[in-house]
Amino acid sequence: MDNSVDEAPEPLSRQERREERRREKESEKKSHATKRALRRVFNWSIVFALIAASVYGMFTLATSGGGSGALREPITANDHIKGKTDSQIVLVEYADFQCPACKAYFGILKTVEKEYGDRVAFVYRHFPLTQHLNADTAAQAAEAAGKQGKFWEMHDKLFESQDMWASLSAKEAENVFNGYAAGLGLDAVRFKADIISDEITERIDNDFKSGLQSGVNGTPTFFLQGIKVQNSQTYDEFKQLLDGALGEPSQ
């Protein structure tokens, strides 16, 4: 039979009691700090969830109920318009200078321009996509050139040379665009100041927002006579659309 008993612990010394209280306080502080950190994570999780919900709602609105297929932002004198403002038909393009598909349609639009002349007016609006790292800078370069009356010249140059600058770093692309500006005879000092100006950034942002409001969710997106149209795959298909808008039989 085991006759052992539980022995009472020896009393702690004053130093030991102080040390134990110190450890208890440190443990309590760590516990409070952990709880505060968890509350912050929880609160920020709610914030990010609300932001995500808002962004999702905005895109849902733009691509469903809010995007009825009609151009929501009217064409004004502030737009980049090639051709006569009283042309028979107006074609609006939302595009991204770094978008390969936009480059392909650039060739089609050049052919349309030659064949239809003043019967068609072209409007270009910016819709730079986030996956294209140099798209914003390219749009800024076009706008900076536009401040000196050379928007369409820079527009053409950017699409024609897209393969060369699309994969460059941001700094390298900026240097290339400065070179294009020089080749167009632009004031270099003014160009470099304009390309980073708030005015140009705001203009590009406004184009992008107007695209979302009109149901744009990719590039290029076209509006013919204010109505969103299905992208034609060939010049002949594009010609059919234009001839239909002009009330002419396609050849």
Protein backbone atom coordinates (compact mmCIF):
# COMPACT_ATOMS: atom_id res chain seq x y z
CA MET A 1 0.00 0.00 0.00
CA ASP A 2 1.33 3.39 -1.02
CA ASN A 3 1.44 5.68 2.01
CA SER A 4 2.93 8.67 0.17
CA VAL A 5 1.08 11.94 0.37
CA ASP A 6 1.04 15.11 -1.72
CA GLU A 7 3.48 17.50 -0.25
CA ALA A 8 2.78 21.20 -0.07
CA PRO A 9 5.15 23.24 -2.23
CA GLU A 10 7.81 25.23 -0.52
CA PRO A 11 6.92 28.89 -0.15
CA LEU A 12 8.32 31.16 -2.88
CA SER A 13 10.86 33.78 -2.03
CA ARG A 14 10.10 37.47 -2.61
CA GLN A 15 12.35 37.46 -5.68
CA GLU A 16 10.60 34.45 -7.10
CA ARG A 17 7.16 35.98 -6.48
CA ARG A 18 8.22 39.16 -8.32
CA GLU A 19 9.53 37.11 -11.20
CA GLU A 20 6.31 35.13 -11.41
CA ARG A 21 4.19 38.32 -11.44
CA ARG A 22 6.41 39.75 -14.16
CA ARG A 23 5.88 36.63 -16.29
CA GLU A 24 2.13 36.81 -15.71
CA LYS A 25 2.03 40.46 -16.79
CA GLU A 26 4.07 39.72 -19.91
CA SER A 27 1.76 36.85 -20.76
CA GLU A 28 -1.26 39.11 -20.27
CA LYS A 29 0.27 41.81 -22.51
CA LYS A 30 0.94 39.26 -25.23
CA SER A 31 -2.62 38.01 -24.95
CA HIS A 32 -4.01 41.55 -25.33
CA ALA A 33 -1.69 42.25 -28.26
CA THR A 34 -2.82 39.06 -29.99
CA LYS A 35 -6.48 39.99 -29.48
CA ARG A 36 -5.87 43.50 -30.87
CA ALA A 37 -4.08 42.06 -33.90
CA LEU A 38 -6.94 39.66 -34.53
CA ARG A 39 -9.44 42.51 -34.27
CA ARG A 40 -7.44 44.52 -36.81
CA VAL A 41 -7.32 41.56 -39.19
CA PHE A 42 -11.04 41.06 -38.77
CA ASN A 43 -11.80 44.73 -39.35
CA TRP A 44 -9.58 44.94 -42.42
CA SER A 45 -11.14 41.74 -43.75
CA ILE A 46 -14.51 43.47 -43.59
CA VAL A 47 -13.11 46.55 -45.34
CA PHE A 48 -11.56 44.49 -48.15
CA ALA A 49 -14.74 42.47 -48.50
CA LEU A 50 -16.74 45.68 -48.88
CA ILE A 51 -14.25 47.03 -51.45
CA ALA A 52 -14.36 43.78 -53.39
CA ALA A 53 -18.14 43.81 -53.33
CA SER A 54 -18.18 47.40 -54.60
CA VAL A 55 -15.74 46.62 -57.44
CA TYR A 56 -17.69 43.51 -58.37
CA GLY A 57 -20.89 45.52 -58.35
CA MET A 58 -19.36 48.19 -60.57
CA PHE A 59 -18.22 45.67 -63.16
CA THR A 60 -21.48 43.77 -62.96
CA LEU A 61 -23.36 47.00 -63.57
CA ALA A 62 -21.08 47.89 -66.45
CA THR A 63 -21.32 44.50 -68.15
CA SER A 64 -24.97 43.75 -67.51
CA GLY A 65 -27.69 46.15 -66.51
CA GLY A 66 -25.53 49.27 -66.81
CA GLY A 67 -24.12 48.30 -70.20
CA SER A 68 -27.17 48.41 -72.44
CA GLY A 69 -25.09 48.44 -75.63
CA ALA A 70 -25.43 52.19 -76.10
CA LEU A 71 -22.69 54.78 -75.87
CA ARG A 72 -23.34 56.55 -72.58
CA GLU A 73 -20.83 59.40 -72.93
CA PRO A 74 -21.78 61.68 -75.87
CA ILE A 75 -19.11 62.63 -78.38
CA THR A 76 -17.85 66.16 -77.81
CA ALA A 77 -15.24 68.49 -79.25
CA ASN A 78 -12.92 67.24 -76.50
CA ASP A 79 -12.80 63.79 -78.12
CA HIS A 80 -10.08 62.74 -80.55
CA ILE A 81 -11.97 62.74 -83.85
CA LYS A 82 -10.51 61.89 -87.24
CA GLY A 83 -12.69 63.01 -90.09
CA LYS A 84 -15.50 65.50 -90.40
CA THR A 85 -17.77 66.00 -87.40
CA ASP A 86 -20.75 65.96 -89.78
CA SER A 87 -19.77 62.64 -91.40
CA GLN A 88 -22.61 60.30 -92.31
CA ILE A 89 -21.58 57.79 -89.65
CA VAL A 90 -19.36 57.85 -86.57
CA LEU A 91 -17.34 54.92 -85.30
CA VAL A 92 -16.10 55.09 -81.68
CA GLU A 93 -13.32 52.76 -80.56
CA TYR A 94 -12.30 52.02 -76.97
CA ALA A 95 -8.79 50.64 -77.22
CA ASP A 96 -5.46 49.91 -75.56
CA PHE A 97 -2.21 50.72 -77.38
CA GLN A 98 -0.56 47.56 -76.02
CA CYS A 99 -3.46 45.27 -76.95
CA PRO A 100 -2.49 42.87 -79.82
CA ALA A 101 -6.10 42.68 -81.01
CA CYS A 102 -6.26 46.48 -81.18
CA LYS A 103 -3.16 46.45 -83.37
CA ALA A 104 -4.82 43.95 -85.70
CA TYR A 105 -7.92 46.18 -85.98
CA PHE A 106 -5.66 49.19 -86.54
CA GLY A 107 -4.84 47.74 -89.96
CA ILE A 108 -8.52 47.19 -90.74
CA LEU A 109 -9.41 50.74 -89.71
CA LYS A 110 -6.66 52.14 -91.93
CA THR A 111 -8.23 50.36 -94.90
CA VAL A 112 -11.68 51.65 -93.90
CA GLU A 113 -10.31 55.17 -93.69
CA LYS A 114 -8.88 54.98 -97.20
CA GLU A 115 -12.01 53.52 -98.77
CA TYR A 116 -14.72 55.52 -97.00
CA GLY A 117 -12.96 58.85 -96.62
CA ASP A 118 -15.11 61.62 -95.16
CA ARG A 119 -18.21 59.41 -94.97
CA VAL A 120 -16.90 57.90 -91.71
CA ALA A 121 -15.55 59.77 -88.69
CA PHE A 122 -13.38 57.90 -86.20
CA VAL A 123 -13.29 58.58 -82.44
CA TYR A 124 -10.58 57.08 -80.24
CA ARG A 125 -11.07 56.64 -76.49
CA HIS A 126 -8.62 55.12 -74.03
CA PHE A 127 -9.27 51.85 -72.22
CA PRO A 128 -5.82 50.70 -70.97
CA LEU A 129 -5.95 47.24 -69.43
CA THR A 130 -4.10 46.50 -66.20
CA GLN A 131 -2.37 43.40 -67.60
CA HIS A 132 -0.56 45.59 -70.15
CA LEU A 133 2.20 47.26 -68.15
CA ASN A 134 3.03 50.00 -70.67
CA ALA A 135 -0.54 50.71 -71.81
CA ASP A 136 -1.05 53.68 -69.47
CA THR A 137 2.25 55.29 -70.44
CA ALA A 138 1.46 54.79 -74.13
CA ALA A 139 -1.92 56.47 -73.64
CA GLN A 140 -0.19 59.33 -71.82
CA ALA A 141 2.29 59.67 -74.69
CA ALA A 142 -0.55 59.92 -77.21
CA GLU A 143 -2.28 62.55 -75.09
CA ALA A 144 0.94 64.51 -74.60
CA ALA A 145 1.43 64.49 -78.37
CA GLY A 146 -2.19 65.58 -78.74
CA LYS A 147 -1.44 68.66 -76.63
CA GLN A 148 0.85 69.68 -79.52
CA GLY A 149 -1.59 68.69 -82.27
CA LYS A 150 -0.06 65.29 -83.06
CA PHE A 151 -2.39 62.81 -81.36
CA TRP A 152 -3.17 60.74 -84.46
CA GLU A 153 0.46 60.70 -85.57
CA MET A 154 1.52 59.29 -82.18
CA HIS A 155 -1.52 56.96 -82.23
CA ASP A 156 -0.33 55.43 -85.51
CA LYS A 157 3.30 55.22 -84.39
CA LEU A 158 2.39 53.41 -81.16
CA PHE A 159 0.36 50.75 -82.96
CA GLU A 160 2.85 50.33 -85.81
CA SER A 161 5.73 49.73 -83.37
CA GLN A 162 3.79 47.89 -80.65
CA ASP A 163 5.87 44.71 -80.94
CA MET A 164 9.02 46.69 -80.22
CA TRP A 165 8.02 48.51 -77.01
CA ALA A 166 5.34 46.25 -75.49
CA SER A 167 7.81 44.04 -73.62
CA LEU A 168 10.13 46.81 -72.43
CA SER A 169 10.42 48.04 -68.86
CA ALA A 170 8.47 51.15 -67.96
CA LYS A 171 11.60 53.32 -68.12
CA GLU A 172 12.71 51.86 -71.45
CA ALA A 173 9.24 52.38 -72.94
CA GLU A 174 9.21 55.97 -71.70
CA ASN A 175 12.54 56.59 -73.45
CA VAL A 176 11.15 55.10 -76.66
CA PHE A 177 8.10 57.35 -76.50
CA ASN A 178 10.33 60.38 -75.94
CA GLY A 179 12.13 59.34 -79.12
CA TYR A 180 8.84 59.15 -81.02
CA ALA A 181 7.98 62.64 -79.79
CA ALA A 182 11.29 63.94 -81.09
CA GLY A 183 10.67 62.23 -84.42
CA LEU A 184 7.31 64.01 -84.67
CA GLY A 185 9.02 67.33 -84.07
CA LEU A 186 7.40 67.91 -80.68
CA ASP A 187 8.75 70.22 -77.99
CA ALA A 188 10.64 67.72 -75.82
CA VAL A 189 10.43 69.71 -72.58
CA ARG A 190 6.70 70.28 -72.92
CA PHE A 191 6.10 66.64 -73.91
CA LYS A 192 7.91 65.31 -70.83
CA ALA A 193 5.94 67.66 -68.58
CA ASP A 194 2.58 66.86 -70.19
CA ILE A 195 3.02 63.08 -70.17
CA ILE A 196 2.99 63.02 -66.35
CA SER A 197 0.44 65.81 -65.84
CA ASP A 198 -2.72 65.35 -63.77
CA GLU A 199 -4.76 66.71 -66.68
CA ILE A 200 -3.74 63.87 -68.97
CA THR A 201 -4.12 61.22 -66.27
CA GLU A 202 -7.63 62.48 -65.55
CA ARG A 203 -8.57 62.44 -69.22
CA ILE A 204 -7.51 58.81 -69.62
CA ASP A 205 -9.36 57.87 -66.42
CA ASN A 206 -12.50 59.60 -67.68
CA ASP A 207 -12.34 57.67 -70.95
CA PHE A 208 -11.98 54.43 -69.03
CA LYS A 209 -14.92 55.23 -66.76
CA SER A 210 -17.11 56.18 -69.70
CA GLY A 211 -16.23 52.83 -71.27
CA LEU A 212 -17.34 50.95 -68.17
CA GLN A 213 -20.60 52.89 -68.15
CA SER A 214 -21.18 51.84 -71.76
CA GLY A 215 -20.53 48.15 -71.08
CA VAL A 216 -16.95 47.97 -72.33
CA ASN A 217 -15.12 45.02 -70.77
CA GLY A 218 -12.36 44.38 -73.29
CA THR A 219 -10.48 45.90 -76.18
CA PRO A 220 -11.13 46.84 -78.82
CA THR A 221 -14.82 47.68 -78.39
CA PHE A 222 -16.64 49.59 -81.13
CA PHE A 223 -19.77 51.72 -81.16
CA LEU A 224 -21.30 52.45 -84.55
CA GLN A 225 -23.75 55.33 -84.52
CA GLY A 226 -23.77 55.08 -80.72
CA ILE A 227 -24.62 51.36 -80.62
CA LYS A 228 -22.18 48.69 -79.46
CA VAL A 229 -21.39 46.28 -82.28
CA GLN A 230 -19.96 42.79 -82.43
CA ASN A 231 -16.30 42.89 -83.44
CA SER A 232 -15.91 41.98 -87.10
CA GLN A 233 -13.20 39.43 -87.75
CA THR A 234 -12.27 40.66 -91.24
CA TYR A 235 -12.33 43.85 -93.28
CA ASP A 236 -15.24 42.49 -95.35
CA GLU A 237 -17.32 41.99 -92.20
CA PHE A 238 -16.47 45.51 -91.07
CA LYS A 239 -17.45 46.80 -94.49
CA GLN A 240 -20.85 45.13 -94.21
CA LEU A 241 -21.49 46.93 -90.92
CA LEU A 242 -20.51 50.31 -92.35
CA ASP A 243 -22.45 49.83 -95.56
CA GLY A 244 -25.50 48.85 -93.53
CA ALA A 245 -25.19 52.03 -91.46
CA LEU A 246 -24.79 54.07 -94.65
CA GLY A 247 -27.77 52.38 -96.26
CA GLU A 248 -25.63 51.06 -99.08
CA PRO A 249 -25.42 47.51 -100.45
CA SER A 250 -22.10 45.81 -99.71
CA GLN A 251 -20.05 44.96 -102.77
